[in-house]
Amino acid sequence: MWSVIVHGGAGAVKDALANKHKAGCIRAVEAATKLLSENANAVDAACAAIRILEDDPTYNASTGGALDRRGLVTVDAAIMRGSDLGYGAIGAVAGVARAIDLARAIMEDGAHALLCGPSALAFARKANIPLVDPDQMRTDARKRDLEKRLLELAKANPDHAADWSPSEHGTEDGAEAQGTVGAVVRDAIGLIVAVTSTGGLTAKYPGRVGDSPIAGAGTYARNDLGGASATGHGETMMKTVFTYQLLLALRGIAPARASEIIRAELDQATARAGGKGGAIAVLPDGTIAFARNTAHMGVAWASSTGQEGADF
């Protein structure tokens, strides 16, 4: 059997954008489902799903990603293949409209697992990954987010910036709350792949890399454990090695309890490190699960056994 679940980020989204947020996740699942029903592998299906979300400025990934303090979109992304721990990731990269394609190229090259900044761009050129003018990736909504966040930081003690919660800093139009995107796929032969892509935090320091491209923090897959993609406060997910610990916690549990366990792990991470978020997972048997401890997290899912749906 095959299974797929995607998320569009955890946070607080205005009611006017709720349907749009969920609809994008549904489109992403449909793209993956089409491939999986034609016996495509999990790598191709997961990347197809993420491209849909990276191309949609509704989400904080690639075009429409959050702006750093310079007003620049810099992206993080990762893909992990559960059969052999194949891993490819990028951090703090500007000018890549489809971050997942670059992360996949790094995984397939196999020499390294994570490339950052200008070195990742040099690799992209060698791998014929299309680059764009970084200015094309900025949206007016993200510019407003940056202005608002810089005003907030100017009034607050900067030492408290790590206490950021994705449910606490939405703009009037709700743009900032659109978050990290992710997908987890199990194909018909049991290969599990996890993918995550993000623009990170609004007004982050230049060069900041979040949890998404860190194996075991924002993204992890191993065929005997399952796969997971996290969203929310990246520093919290890194400090708690969230996705790896989550999959260990899910090992051997009854499928009906999987989402309950994810919520418990999120709450424990919040208690330990302060931030909130959400996560999706697919277990080795194809069980689909998700949870959040924020106001919202757009998700959609489907499987060859007839499971399908969307939530927000």
C-alpha atoms as a PDB file:
ATOM      1  CA  MET A   1       0.000   0.000   0.000  1.00  0.00           C
ATOM      2  CA  TRP A   2       1.005   3.618  -0.420  1.00  0.00           C
ATOM      3  CA  SER A   3       0.317   6.605   1.852  1.00  0.00           C
ATOM      4  CA  VAL A   4       0.952  10.344   1.622  1.00  0.00           C
ATOM      5  CA  ILE A   5       0.412  13.277   3.975  1.00  0.00           C
ATOM      6  CA  VAL A   6       1.446  16.920   3.556  1.00  0.00           C
ATOM      7  CA  HIS A   7       1.397  19.968   5.818  1.00  0.00           C
ATOM      8  CA  GLY A   8       1.387  23.682   5.045  1.00  0.00           C
ATOM      9  CA  GLY A   9       2.821  24.905   8.336  1.00  0.00           C
ATOM     10  CA  ALA A  10       1.707  25.364  11.924  1.00  0.00           C
ATOM     11  CA  GLY A  11       0.557  28.705  13.281  1.00  0.00           C
ATOM     12  CA  ALA A  12      -2.441  31.011  13.399  1.00  0.00           C
ATOM     13  CA  VAL A  13      -4.156  31.718  10.084  1.00  0.00           C
ATOM     14  CA  LYS A  14      -6.918  34.262   9.537  1.00  0.00           C
ATOM     15  CA  ASP A  15     -10.320  32.833   8.638  1.00  0.00           C
ATOM     16  CA  ALA A  16     -10.237  34.514   5.223  1.00  0.00           C
ATOM     17  CA  LEU A  17      -7.187  32.454   4.255  1.00  0.00           C
ATOM     18  CA  ALA A  18      -8.170  29.138   5.809  1.00  0.00           C
ATOM     19  CA  ASN A  19      -9.730  27.625   2.689  1.00  0.00           C
ATOM     20  CA  LYS A  20      -6.824  28.723   0.511  1.00  0.00           C
ATOM     21  CA  HIS A  21      -4.351  27.269   2.970  1.00  0.00           C
ATOM     22  CA  LYS A  22      -6.104  23.895   3.043  1.00  0.00           C
ATOM     23  CA  ALA A  23      -6.723  23.830  -0.719  1.00  0.00           C
ATOM     24  CA  GLY A  24      -3.025  24.035  -1.475  1.00  0.00           C
ATOM     25  CA  CYS A  25      -2.369  21.005   0.707  1.00  0.00           C
ATOM     26  CA  ILE A  26      -5.096  19.091  -1.135  1.00  0.00           C
ATOM     27  CA  ARG A  27      -3.521  19.957  -4.498  1.00  0.00           C
ATOM     28  CA  ALA A  28      -0.152  18.755  -3.238  1.00  0.00           C
ATOM     29  CA  VAL A  29      -1.608  15.414  -2.141  1.00  0.00           C
ATOM     30  CA  GLU A  30      -3.365  15.044  -5.487  1.00  0.00           C
ATOM     31  CA  ALA A  31      -0.038  15.519  -7.299  1.00  0.00           C
ATOM     32  CA  ALA A  32       1.591  12.825  -5.176  1.00  0.00           C
ATOM     33  CA  THR A  33      -1.412  10.504  -5.389  1.00  0.00           C
ATOM     34  CA  LYS A  34      -1.402  10.598  -9.180  1.00  0.00           C
ATOM     35  CA  LEU A  35       2.207   9.418  -9.247  1.00  0.00           C
ATOM     36  CA  LEU A  36       1.795   6.806  -6.522  1.00  0.00           C
ATOM     37  CA  SER A  37      -1.245   5.303  -8.253  1.00  0.00           C
ATOM     38  CA  GLU A  38       0.989   4.877 -11.320  1.00  0.00           C
ATOM     39  CA  ASN A  39       3.617   3.026  -9.209  1.00  0.00           C
ATOM     40  CA  ALA A  40       6.001   5.958  -8.943  1.00  0.00           C
ATOM     41  CA  ASN A  41       8.496   5.887  -6.098  1.00  0.00           C
ATOM     42  CA  ALA A  42       8.204   7.872  -2.889  1.00  0.00           C
ATOM     43  CA  VAL A  43      11.007  10.291  -3.816  1.00  0.00           C
ATOM     44  CA  ASP A  44       9.233  11.443  -6.970  1.00  0.00           C
ATOM     45  CA  ALA A  45       5.855  11.666  -5.226  1.00  0.00           C
ATOM     46  CA  ALA A  46       7.135  13.645  -2.225  1.00  0.00           C
ATOM     47  CA  CYS A  47       9.004  16.107  -4.428  1.00  0.00           C
ATOM     48  CA  ALA A  48       5.945  16.593  -6.652  1.00  0.00           C
ATOM     49  CA  ALA A  49       3.856  17.461  -3.607  1.00  0.00           C
ATOM     50  CA  ILE A  50       6.385  19.954  -2.263  1.00  0.00           C
ATOM     51  CA  ARG A  51       6.800  21.703  -5.620  1.00  0.00           C
ATOM     52  CA  ILE A  52       3.086  22.552  -5.550  1.00  0.00           C
ATOM     53  CA  LEU A  53       3.512  24.264  -2.167  1.00  0.00           C
ATOM     54  CA  GLU A  54       6.827  25.943  -2.992  1.00  0.00           C
ATOM     55  CA  ASP A  55       5.243  27.526  -6.072  1.00  0.00           C
ATOM     56  CA  ASP A  56       2.338  28.902  -4.006  1.00  0.00           C
ATOM     57  CA  PRO A  57       3.125  32.180  -2.167  1.00  0.00           C
ATOM     58  CA  THR A  58       0.427  31.306   0.357  1.00  0.00           C
ATOM     59  CA  TYR A  59       3.118  29.287   2.140  1.00  0.00           C
ATOM     60  CA  ASN A  60       6.443  30.158   3.721  1.00  0.00           C
ATOM     61  CA  ALA A  61       8.608  28.211   1.299  1.00  0.00           C
ATOM     62  CA  SER A  62      10.616  29.462  -1.690  1.00  0.00           C
ATOM     63  CA  THR A  63       8.541  32.164  -3.465  1.00  0.00           C
ATOM     64  CA  GLY A  64       6.662  33.975  -0.716  1.00  0.00           C
ATOM     65  CA  GLY A  65       9.108  32.840   1.945  1.00  0.00           C
ATOM     66  CA  ALA A  66       9.793  34.869   5.086  1.00  0.00           C
ATOM     67  CA  LEU A  67      12.268  37.759   4.826  1.00  0.00           C
ATOM     68  CA  ASP A  68      15.406  38.004   6.917  1.00  0.00           C
ATOM     69  CA  ARG A  69      16.548  41.310   8.442  1.00  0.00           C
ATOM     70  CA  ARG A  70      18.013  42.396   5.106  1.00  0.00           C
ATOM     71  CA  GLY A  71      14.681  41.827   3.369  1.00  0.00           C
ATOM     72  CA  LEU A  72      15.959  38.714   1.582  1.00  0.00           C
ATOM     73  CA  VAL A  73      14.235  35.335   1.151  1.00  0.00           C
ATOM     74  CA  THR A  74      16.660  32.597   2.151  1.00  0.00           C
ATOM     75  CA  VAL A  75      15.403  29.045   2.177  1.00  0.00           C
ATOM     76  CA  ASP A  76      16.120  25.774   3.946  1.00  0.00           C
ATOM     77  CA  ALA A  77      15.003  22.375   2.657  1.00  0.00           C
ATOM     78  CA  ALA A  78      15.689  18.680   3.095  1.00  0.00           C
ATOM     79  CA  ILE A  79      14.791  15.280   1.734  1.00  0.00           C
ATOM     80  CA  MET A  80      15.524  11.951   3.418  1.00  0.00           C
ATOM     81  CA  ARG A  81      15.183   8.489   1.891  1.00  0.00           C
ATOM     82  CA  GLY A  82      14.336   5.838   4.440  1.00  0.00           C
ATOM     83  CA  SER A  83      15.800   2.830   2.664  1.00  0.00           C
ATOM     84  CA  ASP A  84      19.451   3.877   2.996  1.00  0.00           C
ATOM     85  CA  LEU A  85      19.395   7.138   5.009  1.00  0.00           C
ATOM     86  CA  GLY A  86      20.078   9.050   1.809  1.00  0.00           C
ATOM     87  CA  TYR A  87      19.944  12.731   2.712  1.00  0.00           C
ATOM     88  CA  GLY A  88      20.157  16.045   0.906  1.00  0.00           C
ATOM     89  CA  ALA A  89      19.624  19.495   2.403  1.00  0.00           C
ATOM     90  CA  ILE A  90      20.280  23.191   1.922  1.00  0.00           C
ATOM     91  CA  GLY A  91      20.424  26.063   4.389  1.00  0.00           C
ATOM     92  CA  ALA A  92      20.240  29.860   4.044  1.00  0.00           C
ATOM     93  CA  VAL A  93      20.125  29.840   0.237  1.00  0.00           C
ATOM     94  CA  ALA A  94      18.829  32.789  -1.818  1.00  0.00           C
ATOM     95  CA  GLY A  95      17.597  32.672  -5.402  1.00  0.00           C
ATOM     96  CA  VAL A  96      16.324  29.075  -5.597  1.00  0.00           C
ATOM     97  CA  ALA A  97      12.637  28.989  -6.488  1.00  0.00           C
ATOM     98  CA  ARG A  98      12.324  25.249  -5.900  1.00  0.00           C
ATOM     99  CA  ALA A  99      14.461  24.425  -2.911  1.00  0.00           C
ATOM    100  CA  ILE A 100      13.429  20.784  -2.908  1.00  0.00           C
ATOM    101  CA  ASP A 101      14.983  20.198  -6.331  1.00  0.00           C
ATOM    102  CA  LEU A 102      18.353  21.395  -5.045  1.00  0.00           C
ATOM    103  CA  ALA A 103      18.080  19.298  -1.874  1.00  0.00           C
ATOM    104  CA  ARG A 104      17.265  16.232  -3.982  1.00  0.00           C
ATOM    105  CA  ALA A 105      20.244  16.872  -6.273  1.00  0.00           C
ATOM    106  CA  ILE A 106      22.518  16.950  -3.220  1.00  0.00           C
ATOM    107  CA  MET A 107      21.057  13.661  -1.974  1.00  0.00           C
ATOM    108  CA  GLU A 108      21.531  12.023  -5.352  1.00  0.00           C
ATOM    109  CA  ASP A 109      25.093  13.330  -5.653  1.00  0.00           C
ATOM    110  CA  GLY A 110      25.849  11.634  -2.340  1.00  0.00           C
ATOM    111  CA  ALA A 111      29.124  13.376  -1.463  1.00  0.00           C
ATOM    112  CA  HIS A 112      27.612  15.525   1.291  1.00  0.00           C
ATOM    113  CA  ALA A 113      24.306  15.850   3.131  1.00  0.00           C
ATOM    114  CA  LEU A 114      23.992  19.624   3.700  1.00  0.00           C
ATOM    115  CA  LEU A 115      25.214  22.638   1.728  1.00  0.00           C
ATOM    116  CA  CYS A 116      24.640  26.247   2.788  1.00  0.00           C
ATOM    117  CA  GLY A 117      24.675  29.723   1.286  1.00  0.00           C
ATOM    118  CA  PRO A 118      26.880  30.506  -1.746  1.00  0.00           C
ATOM    119  CA  SER A 119      28.312  26.978  -1.853  1.00  0.00           C
ATOM    120  CA  ALA A 120      24.827  25.571  -2.328  1.00  0.00           C
ATOM    121  CA  LEU A 121      24.253  28.027  -5.179  1.00  0.00           C
ATOM    122  CA  ALA A 122      27.494  26.920  -6.835  1.00  0.00           C
ATOM    123  CA  PHE A 123      26.293  23.318  -6.601  1.00  0.00           C
ATOM    124  CA  ALA A 124      22.937  24.343  -8.065  1.00  0.00           C
ATOM    125  CA  ARG A 125      24.638  25.803 -11.108  1.00  0.00           C
ATOM    126  CA  LYS A 126      26.632  22.612 -11.654  1.00  0.00           C
ATOM    127  CA  ALA A 127      23.490  20.514 -11.251  1.00  0.00           C
ATOM    128  CA  ASN A 128      21.488  22.735 -13.641  1.00  0.00           C
ATOM    129  CA  ILE A 129      18.986  23.697 -10.960  1.00  0.00           C
ATOM    130  CA  PRO A 130      17.208  26.883 -12.143  1.00  0.00           C
ATOM    131  CA  LEU A 131      18.081  30.058 -10.219  1.00  0.00           C
ATOM    132  CA  VAL A 132      16.050  33.265 -10.071  1.00  0.00           C
ATOM    133  CA  ASP A 133      16.585  36.854  -9.034  1.00  0.00           C
ATOM    134  CA  PRO A 134      15.992  36.835  -5.250  1.00  0.00           C
ATOM    135  CA  ASP A 135      13.797  39.929  -5.636  1.00  0.00           C
ATOM    136  CA  GLN A 136      11.298  37.811  -7.562  1.00  0.00           C
ATOM    137  CA  MET A 137      10.746  35.682  -4.470  1.00  0.00           C
ATOM    138  CA  ARG A 138       9.606  38.563  -2.249  1.00  0.00           C
ATOM    139  CA  THR A 139       5.912  39.356  -1.883  1.00  0.00           C
ATOM    140  CA  ASP A 140       4.215  42.475  -0.551  1.00  0.00           C
ATOM    141  CA  ALA A 141       2.683  40.474   2.273  1.00  0.00           C
ATOM    142  CA  ARG A 142       6.116  39.320   3.430  1.00  0.00           C
ATOM    143  CA  LYS A 143       7.434  42.871   3.296  1.00  0.00           C
ATOM    144  CA  ARG A 144       4.626  43.924   5.641  1.00  0.00           C
ATOM    145  CA  ASP A 145       5.452  40.998   7.919  1.00  0.00           C
ATOM    146  CA  LEU A 146       9.060  42.132   8.130  1.00  0.00           C
ATOM    147  CA  GLU A 147       8.158  45.730   8.909  1.00  0.00           C
ATOM    148  CA  LYS A 148       5.809  44.640  11.667  1.00  0.00           C
ATOM    149  CA  ARG A 149       8.272  42.173  13.175  1.00  0.00           C
ATOM    150  CA  LEU A 150      11.137  44.675  13.187  1.00  0.00           C
ATOM    151  CA  LEU A 151       8.923  47.129  15.073  1.00  0.00           C
ATOM    152  CA  GLU A 152       8.086  44.414  17.609  1.00  0.00           C
ATOM    153  CA  LEU A 153      11.755  43.539  18.071  1.00  0.00           C
ATOM    154  CA  ALA A 154      12.669  47.185  18.532  1.00  0.00           C
ATOM    155  CA  LYS A 155      10.243  47.402  21.456  1.00  0.00           C
ATOM    156  CA  ALA A 156      11.165  44.092  23.069  1.00  0.00           C
ATOM    157  CA  ASN A 157      14.242  42.643  24.692  1.00  0.00           C
ATOM    158  CA  PRO A 158      16.092  40.874  21.836  1.00  0.00           C
ATOM    159  CA  ASP A 159      17.198  38.180  24.280  1.00  0.00           C
ATOM    160  CA  HIS A 160      13.609  36.949  24.315  1.00  0.00           C
ATOM    161  CA  ALA A 161      13.439  36.383  20.561  1.00  0.00           C
ATOM    162  CA  ALA A 162      13.876  32.627  21.070  1.00  0.00           C
ATOM    163  CA  ASP A 163      10.506  32.528  22.846  1.00  0.00           C
ATOM    164  CA  TRP A 164       8.780  33.112  19.511  1.00  0.00           C
ATOM    165  CA  SER A 165       5.699  31.023  18.950  1.00  0.00           C
ATOM    166  CA  PRO A 166       4.147  30.649  15.484  1.00  0.00           C
ATOM    167  CA  SER A 167       0.756  31.412  16.985  1.00  0.00           C
ATOM    168  CA  GLU A 168       1.819  34.814  18.318  1.00  0.00           C
ATOM    169  CA  HIS A 169       3.050  36.886  15.389  1.00  0.00           C
ATOM    170  CA  GLY A 170       0.528  36.855  12.555  1.00  0.00           C
ATOM    171  CA  THR A 171       0.030  40.037  10.546  1.00  0.00           C
ATOM    172  CA  GLU A 172      -3.315  41.636   9.819  1.00  0.00           C
ATOM    173  CA  ASP A 173      -3.723  39.630   6.620  1.00  0.00           C
ATOM    174  CA  GLY A 174      -2.404  36.479   8.229  1.00  0.00           C
ATOM    175  CA  ALA A 175       0.490  36.158   5.804  1.00  0.00           C
ATOM    176  CA  GLU A 176       3.252  35.466   8.290  1.00  0.00           C
ATOM    177  CA  ALA A 177       1.371  32.598   9.828  1.00  0.00           C
ATOM    178  CA  GLN A 178       1.627  30.570   6.608  1.00  0.00           C
ATOM    179  CA  GLY A 179       4.431  28.221   7.421  1.00  0.00           C
ATOM    180  CA  THR A 180       6.960  25.610   6.533  1.00  0.00           C
ATOM    181  CA  VAL A 181       5.726  22.911   4.146  1.00  0.00           C
ATOM    182  CA  GLY A 182       6.383  19.210   4.368  1.00  0.00           C
ATOM    183  CA  ALA A 183       5.432  15.806   3.010  1.00  0.00           C
ATOM    184  CA  VAL A 184       5.881  12.205   4.082  1.00  0.00           C
ATOM    185  CA  VAL A 185       5.276   9.404   1.594  1.00  0.00           C
ATOM    186  CA  ARG A 186       5.318   5.599   1.724  1.00  0.00           C
ATOM    187  CA  ASP A 187       5.235   4.002  -1.705  1.00  0.00           C
ATOM    188  CA  ALA A 188       3.881   0.591  -2.720  1.00  0.00           C
ATOM    189  CA  ILE A 189       7.162  -1.225  -2.021  1.00  0.00           C
ATOM    190  CA  GLY A 190       7.581   0.309   1.436  1.00  0.00           C
ATOM    191  CA  LEU A 191      10.079   3.103   0.738  1.00  0.00           C
ATOM    192  CA  ILE A 192       9.447   6.035   3.092  1.00  0.00           C
ATOM    193  CA  VAL A 193      10.565   9.555   2.216  1.00  0.00           C
ATOM    194  CA  ALA A 194      10.264  12.754   4.259  1.00  0.00           C
ATOM    195  CA  VAL A 195      10.638  16.233   2.793  1.00  0.00           C
ATOM    196  CA  THR A 196      10.530  19.699   4.385  1.00  0.00           C
ATOM    197  CA  SER A 197      10.956  23.183   2.866  1.00  0.00           C
ATOM    198  CA  THR A 198      10.811  26.611   4.511  1.00  0.00           C
ATOM    199  CA  GLY A 199      11.651  30.288   4.377  1.00  0.00           C
ATOM    200  CA  GLY A 200      12.277  30.251   8.131  1.00  0.00           C
ATOM    201  CA  LEU A 201      11.471  33.003  10.590  1.00  0.00           C
ATOM    202  CA  THR A 202      10.565  36.559   9.691  1.00  0.00           C
ATOM    203  CA  ALA A 203      13.388  38.975  10.621  1.00  0.00           C
ATOM    204  CA  LYS A 204      15.807  36.129  11.288  1.00  0.00           C
ATOM    205  CA  TYR A 205      19.500  36.965  11.416  1.00  0.00           C
ATOM    206  CA  PRO A 206      21.175  36.581   8.010  1.00  0.00           C
ATOM    207  CA  GLY A 207      22.684  33.098   7.846  1.00  0.00           C
ATOM    208  CA  ARG A 208      20.224  31.564  10.300  1.00  0.00           C
ATOM    209  CA  VAL A 209      19.384  27.947   9.505  1.00  0.00           C
ATOM    210  CA  GLY A 210      16.364  26.323  11.099  1.00  0.00           C
ATOM    211  CA  ASP A 211      15.380  22.755  11.851  1.00  0.00           C
ATOM    212  CA  SER A 212      14.028  21.823   8.420  1.00  0.00           C
ATOM    213  CA  PRO A 213      17.394  20.809   6.876  1.00  0.00           C
ATOM    214  CA  ILE A 214      18.738  19.196  10.056  1.00  0.00           C
ATOM    215  CA  ALA A 215      18.382  15.402  10.019  1.00  0.00           C
ATOM    216  CA  GLY A 216      16.381  14.262  13.029  1.00  0.00           C
ATOM    217  CA  ALA A 217      15.179  17.762  13.915  1.00  0.00           C
ATOM    218  CA  GLY A 218      12.787  18.914  11.195  1.00  0.00           C
ATOM    219  CA  THR A 219      13.033  15.961   8.831  1.00  0.00           C
ATOM    220  CA  TYR A 220      13.677  12.244   9.260  1.00  0.00           C
ATOM    221  CA  ALA A 221      12.884   8.951   7.514  1.00  0.00           C
ATOM    222  CA  ARG A 222      13.910   5.378   8.115  1.00  0.00           C
ATOM    223  CA  ASN A 223      11.916   2.524   6.665  1.00  0.00           C
ATOM    224  CA  ASP A 224      11.796   0.584   9.933  1.00  0.00           C
ATOM    225  CA  LEU A 225      10.724   3.658  11.951  1.00  0.00           C
ATOM    226  CA  GLY A 226       8.657   5.692   9.505  1.00  0.00           C
ATOM    227  CA  GLY A 227       9.013   9.273   8.367  1.00  0.00           C
ATOM    228  CA  ALA A 228       8.207  12.676   9.865  1.00  0.00           C
ATOM    229  CA  SER A 229       8.250  16.358   8.933  1.00  0.00           C
ATOM    230  CA  ALA A 230       7.963  19.107  11.545  1.00  0.00           C
ATOM    231  CA  THR A 231       6.878  22.735  11.421  1.00  0.00           C
ATOM    232  CA  GLY A 232       6.861  25.571  13.928  1.00  0.00           C
ATOM    233  CA  HIS A 233       9.655  27.069  16.009  1.00  0.00           C
ATOM    234  CA  GLY A 234      12.818  25.656  14.501  1.00  0.00           C
ATOM    235  CA  GLU A 235      15.061  26.227  17.487  1.00  0.00           C
ATOM    236  CA  THR A 236      12.708  24.135  19.610  1.00  0.00           C
ATOM    237  CA  MET A 237      12.733  21.293  17.089  1.00  0.00           C
ATOM    238  CA  MET A 238      16.537  21.371  16.882  1.00  0.00           C
ATOM    239  CA  LYS A 239      17.089  21.408  20.635  1.00  0.00           C
ATOM    240  CA  THR A 240      14.795  18.406  21.132  1.00  0.00           C
ATOM    241  CA  VAL A 241      15.895  16.450  18.003  1.00  0.00           C
ATOM    242  CA  PHE A 242      12.183  16.354  17.416  1.00  0.00           C
ATOM    243  CA  THR A 243      11.427  14.159  14.398  1.00  0.00           C
ATOM    244  CA  TYR A 244      13.837  11.390  15.391  1.00  0.00           C
ATOM    245  CA  GLN A 245      12.571  11.329  18.975  1.00  0.00           C
ATOM    246  CA  LEU A 246       9.015  11.382  17.676  1.00  0.00           C
ATOM    247  CA  LEU A 247       9.538   8.305  15.506  1.00  0.00           C
ATOM    248  CA  LEU A 248      11.118   6.464  18.432  1.00  0.00           C
ATOM    249  CA  ALA A 249       8.071   7.355  20.543  1.00  0.00           C
ATOM    250  CA  LEU A 250       5.750   6.042  17.812  1.00  0.00           C
ATOM    251  CA  ARG A 251       7.536   2.696  17.496  1.00  0.00           C
ATOM    252  CA  GLY A 252       5.251  -0.197  18.359  1.00  0.00           C
ATOM    253  CA  ILE A 253       2.218   1.878  19.334  1.00  0.00           C
ATOM    254  CA  ALA A 254      -1.317   1.129  18.171  1.00  0.00           C
ATOM    255  CA  PRO A 255      -2.137   3.073  14.976  1.00  0.00           C
ATOM    256  CA  ALA A 256      -5.160   4.658  16.626  1.00  0.00           C
ATOM    257  CA  ARG A 257      -2.867   6.331  19.187  1.00  0.00           C
ATOM    258  CA  ALA A 258      -0.335   7.779  16.735  1.00  0.00           C
ATOM    259  CA  SER A 259      -1.739  11.304  16.555  1.00  0.00           C
ATOM    260  CA  GLU A 260      -2.152  11.362  20.345  1.00  0.00           C
ATOM    261  CA  ILE A 261       1.532  10.492  20.735  1.00  0.00           C
ATOM    262  CA  ILE A 262       2.567  13.248  18.302  1.00  0.00           C
ATOM    263  CA  ARG A 263       0.624  15.818  20.319  1.00  0.00           C
ATOM    264  CA  ALA A 264       2.227  14.605  23.542  1.00  0.00           C
ATOM    265  CA  GLU A 265       5.704  14.891  22.021  1.00  0.00           C
ATOM    266  CA  LEU A 266       4.949  18.414  20.807  1.00  0.00           C
ATOM    267  CA  ASP A 267       3.789  19.468  24.247  1.00  0.00           C
ATOM    268  CA  GLN A 268       6.907  17.953  25.790  1.00  0.00           C
ATOM    269  CA  ALA A 269       9.115  19.833  23.326  1.00  0.00           C
ATOM    270  CA  THR A 270       7.309  23.075  24.162  1.00  0.00           C
ATOM    271  CA  ALA A 271       7.824  22.463  27.879  1.00  0.00           C
ATOM    272  CA  ARG A 272      11.532  21.846  27.345  1.00  0.00           C
ATOM    273  CA  ALA A 273      12.426  24.509  24.786  1.00  0.00           C
ATOM    274  CA  GLY A 274       9.578  27.035  24.659  1.00  0.00           C
ATOM    275  CA  GLY A 275       8.300  26.956  21.071  1.00  0.00           C
ATOM    276  CA  LYS A 276       5.219  25.409  19.497  1.00  0.00           C
ATOM    277  CA  GLY A 277       4.571  23.601  16.249  1.00  0.00           C
ATOM    278  CA  GLY A 278       3.160  20.578  14.505  1.00  0.00           C
ATOM    279  CA  ALA A 279       4.219  17.406  12.757  1.00  0.00           C
ATOM    280  CA  ILE A 280       3.067  14.802  10.258  1.00  0.00           C
ATOM    281  CA  ALA A 281       4.167  11.182  10.102  1.00  0.00           C
ATOM    282  CA  VAL A 282       3.759   7.953   8.170  1.00  0.00           C
ATOM    283  CA  LEU A 283       4.567   4.718   9.999  1.00  0.00           C
ATOM    284  CA  PRO A 284       6.163   1.641   8.382  1.00  0.00           C
ATOM    285  CA  ASP A 285       2.766   0.004   7.882  1.00  0.00           C
ATOM    286  CA  GLY A 286       1.416   3.108   6.104  1.00  0.00           C
ATOM    287  CA  THR A 287      -0.459   4.560   9.090  1.00  0.00           C
ATOM    288  CA  ILE A 288      -0.931   8.333   8.675  1.00  0.00           C
ATOM    289  CA  ALA A 289      -0.820  10.623  11.719  1.00  0.00           C
ATOM    290  CA  PHE A 290      -0.520  14.308  12.547  1.00  0.00           C
ATOM    291  CA  ALA A 291      -0.963  16.780  15.397  1.00  0.00           C
ATOM    292  CA  ARG A 292      -0.217  20.373  16.375  1.00  0.00           C
ATOM    293  CA  ASN A 293      -0.169  22.496  19.520  1.00  0.00           C
ATOM    294  CA  THR A 294      -0.746  25.742  17.613  1.00  0.00           C
ATOM    295  CA  ALA A 295      -4.067  27.206  16.516  1.00  0.00           C
ATOM    296  CA  HIS A 296      -3.869  25.772  13.015  1.00  0.00           C
ATOM    297  CA  MET A 297      -1.914  23.492  10.697  1.00  0.00           C
ATOM    298  CA  GLY A 298      -3.118  22.786   7.184  1.00  0.00           C
ATOM    299  CA  VAL A 299      -2.845  19.083   6.312  1.00  0.00           C
ATOM    300  CA  ALA A 300      -4.136  16.727   3.650  1.00  0.00           C
ATOM    301  CA  TRP A 301      -3.658  13.013   3.192  1.00  0.00           C
ATOM    302  CA  ALA A 302      -4.550   9.969   1.095  1.00  0.00           C
ATOM    303  CA  SER A 303      -3.729   6.268   0.829  1.00  0.00           C
ATOM    304  CA  SER A 304      -4.301   3.338  -1.492  1.00  0.00           C
ATOM    305  CA  THR A 305      -6.672   1.863   1.111  1.00  0.00           C
ATOM    306  CA  GLY A 306      -9.130   4.706   0.602  1.00  0.00           C
ATOM    307  CA  GLN A 307      -8.135   7.001   3.452  1.00  0.00           C
ATOM    308  CA  GLU A 308      -8.318  10.631   2.400  1.00  0.00           C
ATOM    309  CA  GLY A 309      -9.068  13.977   3.958  1.00  0.00           C
ATOM    310  CA  ALA A 310      -7.890  17.409   4.947  1.00  0.00           C
ATOM    311  CA  ASP A 311      -7.782  19.352   8.195  1.00  0.00           C
ATOM    312  CA  PHE A 312      -6.871  22.777   9.409  1.00  0.00           C
END
